[in-house]
Amino acid sequence: MPYFIETFDRPNHGHVRQAHRPQHLAYLEANKAKLLACGAKLSDDGETALGGVYLVDVETRAEAERFIAEDPFTKADLFLRIEITRWRKAYLDGRNYL
């Protein structure tokens, strides 16, 4: 069962995000088999990252927790808060999974 992970950046930590972005992207690439989707949440200006969303295809909450714990952004203490929720895939890429 996939999990939805939502992260919330600490205020005024854009410099932390930028400093660790290359390692974060490498981590995502190394784990792309687990990713259904992911990306940054942006402010209305379309420039400022506020956190991120990950849809990960793992079997357990513990695996989802490990996945986000190993993200370089997490290790750099970028996130103020992380929420993990079990997710039921209904539609993805225009395909019905119900």
PDB file of N, CA and C in Angstrom:
ATOM      1  N   MET A   1       0.859  -1.179   0.000  1.00  0.00           N
ATOM      2  CA  MET A   1       0.000   0.000   0.000  1.00  0.00           C
ATOM      3  C   MET A   1       0.898   1.233   0.000  1.00  0.00           C
ATOM      4  N   PRO A   2       0.732   2.127  -0.939  1.00  0.00           N
ATOM      5  CA  PRO A   2       1.560   3.338  -0.987  1.00  0.00           C
ATOM      6  C   PRO A   2       1.323   4.264   0.208  1.00  0.00           C
ATOM      7  N   TYR A   3       2.302   5.121   0.427  1.00  0.00           N
ATOM      8  CA  TYR A   3       2.227   6.131   1.474  1.00  0.00           C
ATOM      9  C   TYR A   3       2.464   7.514   0.882  1.00  0.00           C
ATOM     10  N   PHE A   4       1.736   8.467   1.438  1.00  0.00           N
ATOM     11  CA  PHE A   4       1.850   9.877   1.083  1.00  0.00           C
ATOM     12  C   PHE A   4       2.682  10.538   2.183  1.00  0.00           C
ATOM     13  N   ILE A   5       3.790  11.132   1.815  1.00  0.00           N
ATOM     14  CA  ILE A   5       4.645  11.828   2.766  1.00  0.00           C
ATOM     15  C   ILE A   5       4.627  13.306   2.395  1.00  0.00           C
ATOM     16  N   GLU A   6       4.269  14.136   3.366  1.00  0.00           N
ATOM     17  CA  GLU A   6       4.277  15.578   3.151  1.00  0.00           C
ATOM     18  C   GLU A   6       5.253  16.202   4.129  1.00  0.00           C
ATOM     19  N   THR A   7       6.147  17.035   3.586  1.00  0.00           N
ATOM     20  CA  THR A   7       7.129  17.702   4.429  1.00  0.00           C
ATOM     21  C   THR A   7       6.874  19.204   4.424  1.00  0.00           C
ATOM     22  N   PHE A   8       7.260  19.832   5.518  1.00  0.00           N
ATOM     23  CA  PHE A   8       7.075  21.268   5.698  1.00  0.00           C
ATOM     24  C   PHE A   8       8.421  21.856   6.086  1.00  0.00           C
ATOM     25  N   ASP A   9       8.967  22.727   5.233  1.00  0.00           N
ATOM     26  CA  ASP A   9      10.274  23.322   5.500  1.00  0.00           C
ATOM     27  C   ASP A   9      10.227  24.257   6.708  1.00  0.00           C
ATOM     28  N   ARG A  10      11.341  24.314   7.395  1.00  0.00           N
ATOM     29  CA  ARG A  10      11.502  25.308   8.461  1.00  0.00           C
ATOM     30  C   ARG A  10      11.536  26.692   7.805  1.00  0.00           C
ATOM     31  N   PRO A  11      10.947  27.697   8.445  1.00  0.00           N
ATOM     32  CA  PRO A  11      11.009  29.049   7.882  1.00  0.00           C
ATOM     33  C   PRO A  11      12.457  29.515   7.730  1.00  0.00           C
ATOM     34  N   ASN A  12      12.690  30.258   6.678  1.00  0.00           N
ATOM     35  CA  ASN A  12      14.005  30.855   6.417  1.00  0.00           C
ATOM     36  C   ASN A  12      15.125  29.824   6.281  1.00  0.00           C
ATOM     37  N   HIS A  13      14.798  28.655   5.733  1.00  0.00           N
ATOM     38  CA  HIS A  13      15.799  27.601   5.542  1.00  0.00           C
ATOM     39  C   HIS A  13      16.035  27.289   4.066  1.00  0.00           C
ATOM     40  N   GLY A  14      15.722  28.248   3.201  1.00  0.00           N
ATOM     41  CA  GLY A  14      15.980  28.055   1.774  1.00  0.00           C
ATOM     42  C   GLY A  14      17.439  27.757   1.495  1.00  0.00           C
ATOM     43  N   HIS A  15      18.340  28.335   2.272  1.00  0.00           N
ATOM     44  CA  HIS A  15      19.770  28.086   2.090  1.00  0.00           C
ATOM     45  C   HIS A  15      20.124  26.627   2.394  1.00  0.00           C
ATOM     46  N   VAL A  16      19.428  26.010   3.348  1.00  0.00           N
ATOM     47  CA  VAL A  16      19.651  24.594   3.658  1.00  0.00           C
ATOM     48  C   VAL A  16      19.171  23.739   2.485  1.00  0.00           C
ATOM     49  N   ARG A  17      18.008  24.081   1.952  1.00  0.00           N
ATOM     50  CA  ARG A  17      17.468  23.351   0.791  1.00  0.00           C
ATOM     51  C   ARG A  17      18.444  23.427  -0.378  1.00  0.00           C
ATOM     52  N   GLN A  18      18.935  24.612  -0.668  1.00  0.00           N
ATOM     53  CA  GLN A  18      19.850  24.774  -1.807  1.00  0.00           C
ATOM     54  C   GLN A  18      21.167  24.032  -1.592  1.00  0.00           C
ATOM     55  N   ALA A  19      21.688  24.088  -0.381  1.00  0.00           N
ATOM     56  CA  ALA A  19      22.977  23.446  -0.087  1.00  0.00           C
ATOM     57  C   ALA A  19      22.911  21.936  -0.219  1.00  0.00           C
ATOM     58  N   HIS A  20      21.755  21.342   0.066  1.00  0.00           N
ATOM     59  CA  HIS A  20      21.628  19.881   0.076  1.00  0.00           C
ATOM     60  C   HIS A  20      20.833  19.334  -1.109  1.00  0.00           C
ATOM     61  N   ARG A  21      20.438  20.205  -2.016  1.00  0.00           N
ATOM     62  CA  ARG A  21      19.626  19.786  -3.159  1.00  0.00           C
ATOM     63  C   ARG A  21      20.323  18.739  -4.038  1.00  0.00           C
ATOM     64  N   PRO A  22      21.612  18.886  -4.378  1.00  0.00           N
ATOM     65  CA  PRO A  22      22.244  17.859  -5.214  1.00  0.00           C
ATOM     66  C   PRO A  22      22.218  16.461  -4.570  1.00  0.00           C
ATOM     67  N   GLN A  23      22.471  16.388  -3.266  1.00  0.00           N
ATOM     68  CA  GLN A  23      22.432  15.099  -2.578  1.00  0.00           C
ATOM     69  C   GLN A  23      21.000  14.558  -2.513  1.00  0.00           C
ATOM     70  N   HIS A  24      20.035  15.452  -2.314  1.00  0.00           N
ATOM     71  CA  HIS A  24      18.622  15.059  -2.286  1.00  0.00           C
ATOM     72  C   HIS A  24      18.209  14.467  -3.633  1.00  0.00           C
ATOM     73  N   LEU A  25      18.573  15.137  -4.726  1.00  0.00           N
ATOM     74  CA  LEU A  25      18.219  14.639  -6.056  1.00  0.00           C
ATOM     75  C   LEU A  25      18.898  13.307  -6.350  1.00  0.00           C
ATOM     76  N   ALA A  26      20.133  13.143  -5.900  1.00  0.00           N
ATOM     77  CA  ALA A  26      20.831  11.861  -6.080  1.00  0.00           C
ATOM     78  C   ALA A  26      20.130  10.757  -5.287  1.00  0.00           C
ATOM     79  N   TYR A  27      19.653  11.088  -4.098  1.00  0.00           N
ATOM     80  CA  TYR A  27      18.923  10.127  -3.276  1.00  0.00           C
ATOM     81  C   TYR A  27      17.632   9.699  -3.976  1.00  0.00           C
ATOM     82  N   LEU A  28      16.913  10.668  -4.526  1.00  0.00           N
ATOM     83  CA  LEU A  28      15.687  10.334  -5.246  1.00  0.00           C
ATOM     84  C   LEU A  28      15.982   9.450  -6.447  1.00  0.00           C
ATOM     85  N   GLU A  29      17.021   9.770  -7.177  1.00  0.00           N
ATOM     86  CA  GLU A  29      17.398   8.961  -8.344  1.00  0.00           C
ATOM     87  C   GLU A  29      17.740   7.525  -7.922  1.00  0.00           C
ATOM     88  N   ALA A  30      18.462   7.382  -6.829  1.00  0.00           N
ATOM     89  CA  ALA A  30      18.848   6.053  -6.345  1.00  0.00           C
ATOM     90  C   ALA A  30      17.645   5.252  -5.855  1.00  0.00           C
ATOM     91  N   ASN A  31      16.567   5.944  -5.497  1.00  0.00           N
ATOM     92  CA  ASN A  31      15.369   5.287  -4.963  1.00  0.00           C
ATOM     93  C   ASN A  31      14.153   5.440  -5.863  1.00  0.00           C
ATOM     94  N   LYS A  32      14.369   5.725  -7.126  1.00  0.00           N
ATOM     95  CA  LYS A  32      13.259   6.019  -8.033  1.00  0.00           C
ATOM     96  C   LYS A  32      12.287   4.856  -8.187  1.00  0.00           C
ATOM     97  N   ALA A  33      12.719   3.639  -7.938  1.00  0.00           N
ATOM     98  CA  ALA A  33      11.816   2.493  -8.047  1.00  0.00           C
ATOM     99  C   ALA A  33      10.705   2.557  -6.994  1.00  0.00           C
ATOM    100  N   LYS A  34      10.935   3.264  -5.900  1.00  0.00           N
ATOM    101  CA  LYS A  34       9.926   3.403  -4.843  1.00  0.00           C
ATOM    102  C   LYS A  34       9.004   4.596  -5.067  1.00  0.00           C
ATOM    103  N   LEU A  35       9.355   5.487  -5.967  1.00  0.00           N
ATOM    104  CA  LEU A  35       8.617   6.741  -6.134  1.00  0.00           C
ATOM    105  C   LEU A  35       7.510   6.617  -7.176  1.00  0.00           C
ATOM    106  N   LEU A  36       6.285   6.865  -6.763  1.00  0.00           N
ATOM    107  CA  LEU A  36       5.186   7.000  -7.715  1.00  0.00           C
ATOM    108  C   LEU A  36       5.162   8.434  -8.227  1.00  0.00           C
ATOM    109  N   ALA A  37       5.490   9.361  -7.332  1.00  0.00           N
ATOM    110  CA  ALA A  37       5.569  10.784  -7.680  1.00  0.00           C
ATOM    111  C   ALA A  37       6.251  11.501  -6.530  1.00  0.00           C
ATOM    112  N   CYS A  38       6.845  12.637  -6.835  1.00  0.00           N
ATOM    113  CA  CYS A  38       7.372  13.505  -5.781  1.00  0.00           C
ATOM    114  C   CYS A  38       7.670  14.869  -6.383  1.00  0.00           C
ATOM    115  N   GLY A  39       7.763  15.847  -5.506  1.00  0.00           N
ATOM    116  CA  GLY A  39       8.090  17.187  -5.955  1.00  0.00           C
ATOM    117  C   GLY A  39       7.925  18.191  -4.838  1.00  0.00           C
ATOM    118  N   ALA A  40       8.455  19.379  -5.083  1.00  0.00           N
ATOM    119  CA  ALA A  40       8.396  20.455  -4.093  1.00  0.00           C
ATOM    120  C   ALA A  40       7.030  21.123  -4.102  1.00  0.00           C
ATOM    121  N   LYS A  41       6.621  21.574  -2.931  1.00  0.00           N
ATOM    122  CA  LYS A  41       5.455  22.447  -2.804  1.00  0.00           C
ATOM    123  C   LYS A  41       5.999  23.863  -2.908  1.00  0.00           C
ATOM    124  N   LEU A  42       5.338  24.686  -3.711  1.00  0.00           N
ATOM    125  CA  LEU A  42       5.819  26.038  -3.960  1.00  0.00           C
ATOM    126  C   LEU A  42       4.838  27.088  -3.480  1.00  0.00           C
ATOM    127  N   SER A  43       5.365  28.243  -3.098  1.00  0.00           N
ATOM    128  CA  SER A  43       4.512  29.382  -2.757  1.00  0.00           C
ATOM    129  C   SER A  43       3.860  29.894  -4.040  1.00  0.00           C
ATOM    130  N   ASP A  44       2.937  30.797  -3.917  1.00  0.00           N
ATOM    131  CA  ASP A  44       2.211  31.312  -5.076  1.00  0.00           C
ATOM    132  C   ASP A  44       3.118  32.006  -6.083  1.00  0.00           C
ATOM    133  N   ASP A  45       4.301  32.443  -5.670  1.00  0.00           N
ATOM    134  CA  ASP A  45       5.219  33.065  -6.627  1.00  0.00           C
ATOM    135  C   ASP A  45       5.860  32.030  -7.560  1.00  0.00           C
ATOM    136  N   GLY A  46       5.659  30.735  -7.251  1.00  0.00           N
ATOM    137  CA  GLY A  46       6.200  29.670  -8.088  1.00  0.00           C
ATOM    138  C   GLY A  46       7.693  29.471  -7.944  1.00  0.00           C
ATOM    139  N   GLU A  47       8.302  30.155  -7.008  1.00  0.00           N
ATOM    140  CA  GLU A  47       9.757  30.103  -6.834  1.00  0.00           C
ATOM    141  C   GLU A  47      10.182  29.536  -5.482  1.00  0.00           C
ATOM    142  N   THR A  48       9.488  29.903  -4.443  1.00  0.00           N
ATOM    143  CA  THR A  48       9.907  29.568  -3.086  1.00  0.00           C
ATOM    144  C   THR A  48       9.361  28.211  -2.674  1.00  0.00           C
ATOM    145  N   ALA A  49      10.272  27.273  -2.363  1.00  0.00           N
ATOM    146  CA  ALA A  49       9.862  25.950  -1.902  1.00  0.00           C
ATOM    147  C   ALA A  49       9.408  26.031  -0.454  1.00  0.00           C
ATOM    148  N   LEU A  50       8.318  25.350  -0.161  1.00  0.00           N
ATOM    149  CA  LEU A  50       7.738  25.338   1.181  1.00  0.00           C
ATOM    150  C   LEU A  50       7.837  23.973   1.847  1.00  0.00           C
ATOM    151  N   GLY A  51       8.242  22.980   1.093  1.00  0.00           N
ATOM    152  CA  GLY A  51       8.293  21.597   1.558  1.00  0.00           C
ATOM    153  C   GLY A  51       8.164  20.698   0.357  1.00  0.00           C
ATOM    154  N   GLY A  52       7.714  19.481   0.588  1.00  0.00           N
ATOM    155  CA  GLY A  52       7.607  18.549  -0.523  1.00  0.00           C
ATOM    156  C   GLY A  52       6.512  17.521  -0.318  1.00  0.00           C
ATOM    157  N   VAL A  53       6.239  16.797  -1.399  1.00  0.00           N
ATOM    158  CA  VAL A  53       5.271  15.705  -1.415  1.00  0.00           C
ATOM    159  C   VAL A  53       5.950  14.509  -2.059  1.00  0.00           C
ATOM    160  N   TYR A  54       5.816  13.368  -1.417  1.00  0.00           N
ATOM    161  CA  TYR A  54       6.343  12.115  -1.939  1.00  0.00           C
ATOM    162  C   TYR A  54       5.220  11.092  -1.908  1.00  0.00           C
ATOM    163  N   LEU A  55       5.000  10.398  -2.987  1.00  0.00           N
ATOM    164  CA  LEU A  55       4.135   9.222  -3.005  1.00  0.00           C
ATOM    165  C   LEU A  55       5.073   8.036  -3.197  1.00  0.00           C
ATOM    166  N   VAL A  56       5.219   7.249  -2.134  1.00  0.00           N
ATOM    167  CA  VAL A  56       6.182   6.145  -2.175  1.00  0.00           C
ATOM    168  C   VAL A  56       5.463   4.811  -2.160  1.00  0.00           C
ATOM    169  N   ASP A  57       5.938   3.908  -2.978  1.00  0.00           N
ATOM    170  CA  ASP A  57       5.355   2.577  -3.088  1.00  0.00           C
ATOM    171  C   ASP A  57       6.152   1.624  -2.203  1.00  0.00           C
ATOM    172  N   VAL A  58       5.767   1.607  -0.926  1.00  0.00           N
ATOM    173  CA  VAL A  58       6.378   0.716   0.056  1.00  0.00           C
ATOM    174  C   VAL A  58       5.258  -0.013   0.785  1.00  0.00           C
ATOM    175  N   GLU A  59       5.601  -1.085   1.457  1.00  0.00           N
ATOM    176  CA  GLU A  59       4.581  -1.930   2.078  1.00  0.00           C
ATOM    177  C   GLU A  59       4.177  -1.500   3.480  1.00  0.00           C
ATOM    178  N   THR A  60       5.076  -0.845   4.210  1.00  0.00           N
ATOM    179  CA  THR A  60       4.783  -0.549   5.605  1.00  0.00           C
ATOM    180  C   THR A  60       5.110   0.897   5.958  1.00  0.00           C
ATOM    181  N   ARG A  61       4.502   1.368   7.033  1.00  0.00           N
ATOM    182  CA  ARG A  61       4.818   2.699   7.557  1.00  0.00           C
ATOM    183  C   ARG A  61       6.298   2.782   7.919  1.00  0.00           C
ATOM    184  N   ALA A  62       6.833   1.718   8.496  1.00  0.00           N
ATOM    185  CA  ALA A  62       8.250   1.717   8.874  1.00  0.00           C
ATOM    186  C   ALA A  62       9.141   1.967   7.655  1.00  0.00           C
ATOM    187  N   GLU A  63       8.791   1.381   6.514  1.00  0.00           N
ATOM    188  CA  GLU A  63       9.565   1.625   5.289  1.00  0.00           C
ATOM    189  C   GLU A  63       9.442   3.077   4.841  1.00  0.00           C
ATOM    190  N   ALA A  64       8.243   3.635   4.942  1.00  0.00           N
ATOM    191  CA  ALA A  64       8.049   5.046   4.577  1.00  0.00           C
ATOM    192  C   ALA A  64       8.849   5.945   5.517  1.00  0.00           C
ATOM    193  N   GLU A  65       8.841   5.623   6.797  1.00  0.00           N
ATOM    194  CA  GLU A  65       9.607   6.399   7.769  1.00  0.00           C
ATOM    195  C   GLU A  65      11.102   6.321   7.477  1.00  0.00           C
ATOM    196  N   ARG A  66      11.588   5.126   7.143  1.00  0.00           N
ATOM    197  CA  ARG A  66      13.009   4.960   6.790  1.00  0.00           C
ATOM    198  C   ARG A  66      13.353   5.753   5.540  1.00  0.00           C
ATOM    199  N   PHE A  67      12.454   5.703   4.548  1.00  0.00           N
ATOM    200  CA  PHE A  67      12.693   6.414   3.301  1.00  0.00           C
ATOM    201  C   PHE A  67      12.915   7.902   3.557  1.00  0.00           C
ATOM    202  N   ILE A  68      12.017   8.533   4.297  1.00  0.00           N
ATOM    203  CA  ILE A  68      12.146   9.972   4.506  1.00  0.00           C
ATOM    204  C   ILE A  68      13.274  10.279   5.487  1.00  0.00           C
ATOM    205  N   ALA A  69      13.545   9.400   6.429  1.00  0.00           N
ATOM    206  CA  ALA A  69      14.644   9.625   7.385  1.00  0.00           C
ATOM    207  C   ALA A  69      15.993   9.649   6.684  1.00  0.00           C
ATOM    208  N   GLU A  70      16.124   8.885   5.603  1.00  0.00           N
ATOM    209  CA  GLU A  70      17.399   8.807   4.876  1.00  0.00           C
ATOM    210  C   GLU A  70      17.564   9.914   3.841  1.00  0.00           C
ATOM    211  N   ASP A  71      16.519  10.676   3.589  1.00  0.00           N
ATOM    212  CA  ASP A  71      16.607  11.784   2.630  1.00  0.00           C
ATOM    213  C   ASP A  71      17.605  12.822   3.158  1.00  0.00           C
ATOM    214  N   PRO A  72      18.539  13.269   2.340  1.00  0.00           N
ATOM    215  CA  PRO A  72      19.493  14.289   2.786  1.00  0.00           C
ATOM    216  C   PRO A  72      18.842  15.554   3.334  1.00  0.00           C
ATOM    217  N   PHE A  73      17.664  15.919   2.853  1.00  0.00           N
ATOM    218  CA  PHE A  73      16.970  17.082   3.416  1.00  0.00           C
ATOM    219  C   PHE A  73      16.609  16.833   4.888  1.00  0.00           C
ATOM    220  N   THR A  74      16.148  15.621   5.193  1.00  0.00           N
ATOM    221  CA  THR A  74      15.820  15.286   6.577  1.00  0.00           C
ATOM    222  C   THR A  74      17.078  15.314   7.431  1.00  0.00           C
ATOM    223  N   LYS A  75      18.133  14.715   6.927  1.00  0.00           N
ATOM    224  CA  LYS A  75      19.393  14.668   7.676  1.00  0.00           C
ATOM    225  C   LYS A  75      19.966  16.060   7.917  1.00  0.00           C
ATOM    226  N   ALA A  76      19.659  17.001   7.025  1.00  0.00           N
ATOM    227  CA  ALA A  76      20.137  18.381   7.169  1.00  0.00           C
ATOM    228  C   ALA A  76      19.211  19.220   8.050  1.00  0.00           C
ATOM    229  N   ASP A  77      18.159  18.601   8.597  1.00  0.00           N
ATOM    230  CA  ASP A  77      17.206  19.271   9.484  1.00  0.00           C
ATOM    231  C   ASP A  77      16.442  20.394   8.778  1.00  0.00           C
ATOM    232  N   LEU A  78      16.141  20.182   7.492  1.00  0.00           N
ATOM    233  CA  LEU A  78      15.374  21.162   6.738  1.00  0.00           C
ATOM    234  C   LEU A  78      13.912  21.212   7.182  1.00  0.00           C
ATOM    235  N   PHE A  79      13.372  20.075   7.565  1.00  0.00           N
ATOM    236  CA  PHE A  79      11.927  19.992   7.787  1.00  0.00           C
ATOM    237  C   PHE A  79      11.517  20.344   9.212  1.00  0.00           C
ATOM    238  N   LEU A  80      10.520  21.189   9.296  1.00  0.00           N
ATOM    239  CA  LEU A  80       9.888  21.526  10.566  1.00  0.00           C
ATOM    240  C   LEU A  80       8.973  20.378  10.998  1.00  0.00           C
ATOM    241  N   ARG A  81       8.312  19.776   9.990  1.00  0.00           N
ATOM    242  CA  ARG A  81       7.320  18.732  10.255  1.00  0.00           C
ATOM    243  C   ARG A  81       7.263  17.771   9.076  1.00  0.00           C
ATOM    244  N   ILE A  82       7.003  16.522   9.385  1.00  0.00           N
ATOM    245  CA  ILE A  82       6.812  15.480   8.372  1.00  0.00           C
ATOM    246  C   ILE A  82       5.538  14.728   8.735  1.00  0.00           C
ATOM    247  N   GLU A  83       4.650  14.580   7.762  1.00  0.00           N
ATOM    248  CA  GLU A  83       3.429  13.797   7.975  1.00  0.00           C
ATOM    249  C   GLU A  83       3.425  12.626   7.006  1.00  0.00           C
ATOM    250  N   ILE A  84       3.116  11.448   7.514  1.00  0.00           N
ATOM    251  CA  ILE A  84       3.065  10.228   6.699  1.00  0.00           C
ATOM    252  C   ILE A  84       1.665   9.642   6.825  1.00  0.00           C
ATOM    253  N   THR A  85       1.038   9.419   5.673  1.00  0.00           N
ATOM    254  CA  THR A  85      -0.332   8.911   5.639  1.00  0.00           C
ATOM    255  C   THR A  85      -0.411   7.782   4.621  1.00  0.00           C
ATOM    256  N   ARG A  86      -1.071   6.710   4.994  1.00  0.00           N
ATOM    257  CA  ARG A  86      -1.319   5.632   4.038  1.00  0.00           C
ATOM    258  C   ARG A  86      -2.207   6.172   2.921  1.00  0.00           C
ATOM    259  N   TRP A  87      -1.946   5.735   1.702  1.00  0.00           N
ATOM    260  CA  TRP A  87      -2.642   6.293   0.544  1.00  0.00           C
ATOM    261  C   TRP A  87      -3.195   5.171  -0.321  1.00  0.00           C
ATOM    262  N   ARG A  88      -4.449   5.317  -0.738  1.00  0.00           N
ATOM    263  CA  ARG A  88      -5.048   4.347  -1.666  1.00  0.00           C
ATOM    264  C   ARG A  88      -5.035   4.957  -3.054  1.00  0.00           C
ATOM    265  N   LYS A  89      -4.410   4.268  -3.956  1.00  0.00           N
ATOM    266  CA  LYS A  89      -4.320   4.726  -5.337  1.00  0.00           C
ATOM    267  C   LYS A  89      -5.668   4.498  -6.007  1.00  0.00           C
ATOM    268  N   ALA A  90      -6.325   5.589  -6.405  1.00  0.00           N
ATOM    269  CA  ALA A  90      -7.593   5.507  -7.126  1.00  0.00           C
ATOM    270  C   ALA A  90      -7.357   5.780  -8.604  1.00  0.00           C
ATOM    271  N   TYR A  91      -6.726   6.895  -8.913  1.00  0.00           N
ATOM    272  CA  TYR A  91      -6.365   7.252 -10.281  1.00  0.00           C
ATOM    273  C   TYR A  91      -4.911   7.695 -10.292  1.00  0.00           C
ATOM    274  N   LEU A  92      -4.196   7.249 -11.278  1.00  0.00           N
ATOM    275  CA  LEU A  92      -2.814   7.666 -11.471  1.00  0.00           C
ATOM    276  C   LEU A  92      -2.531   7.631 -12.955  1.00  0.00           C
ATOM    277  N   ASP A  93      -1.990   8.728 -13.473  1.00  0.00           N
ATOM    278  CA  ASP A  93      -1.703   8.851 -14.908  1.00  0.00           C
ATOM    279  C   ASP A  93      -2.925   8.543 -15.758  1.00  0.00           C
ATOM    280  N   GLY A  94      -4.103   8.986 -15.303  1.00  0.00           N
ATOM    281  CA  GLY A  94      -5.327   8.791 -16.055  1.00  0.00           C
ATOM    282  C   GLY A  94      -5.893   7.382 -16.027  1.00  0.00           C
ATOM    283  N   ARG A  95      -5.304   6.534 -15.192  1.00  0.00           N
ATOM    284  CA  ARG A  95      -5.740   5.137 -15.113  1.00  0.00           C
ATOM    285  C   ARG A  95      -6.496   4.896 -13.807  1.00  0.00           C
ATOM    286  N   ASN A  96      -7.608   4.180 -13.880  1.00  0.00           N
ATOM    287  CA  ASN A  96      -8.424   3.856 -12.729  1.00  0.00           C
ATOM    288  C   ASN A  96      -7.893   2.571 -12.089  1.00  0.00           C
ATOM    289  N   TYR A  97      -7.578   2.643 -10.804  1.00  0.00           N
ATOM    290  CA  TYR A  97      -7.087   1.475 -10.069  1.00  0.00           C
ATOM    291  C   TYR A  97      -8.113   0.903  -9.102  1.00  0.00           C
ATOM    292  N   LEU A  98      -9.334   1.442  -9.125  1.00  0.00           N
ATOM    293  CA  LEU A  98     -10.358   0.945  -8.203  1.00  0.00           C
ATOM    294  C   LEU A  98     -11.036  -0.313  -8.720  1.00  0.00           C
TER     295      LEU A  98
END
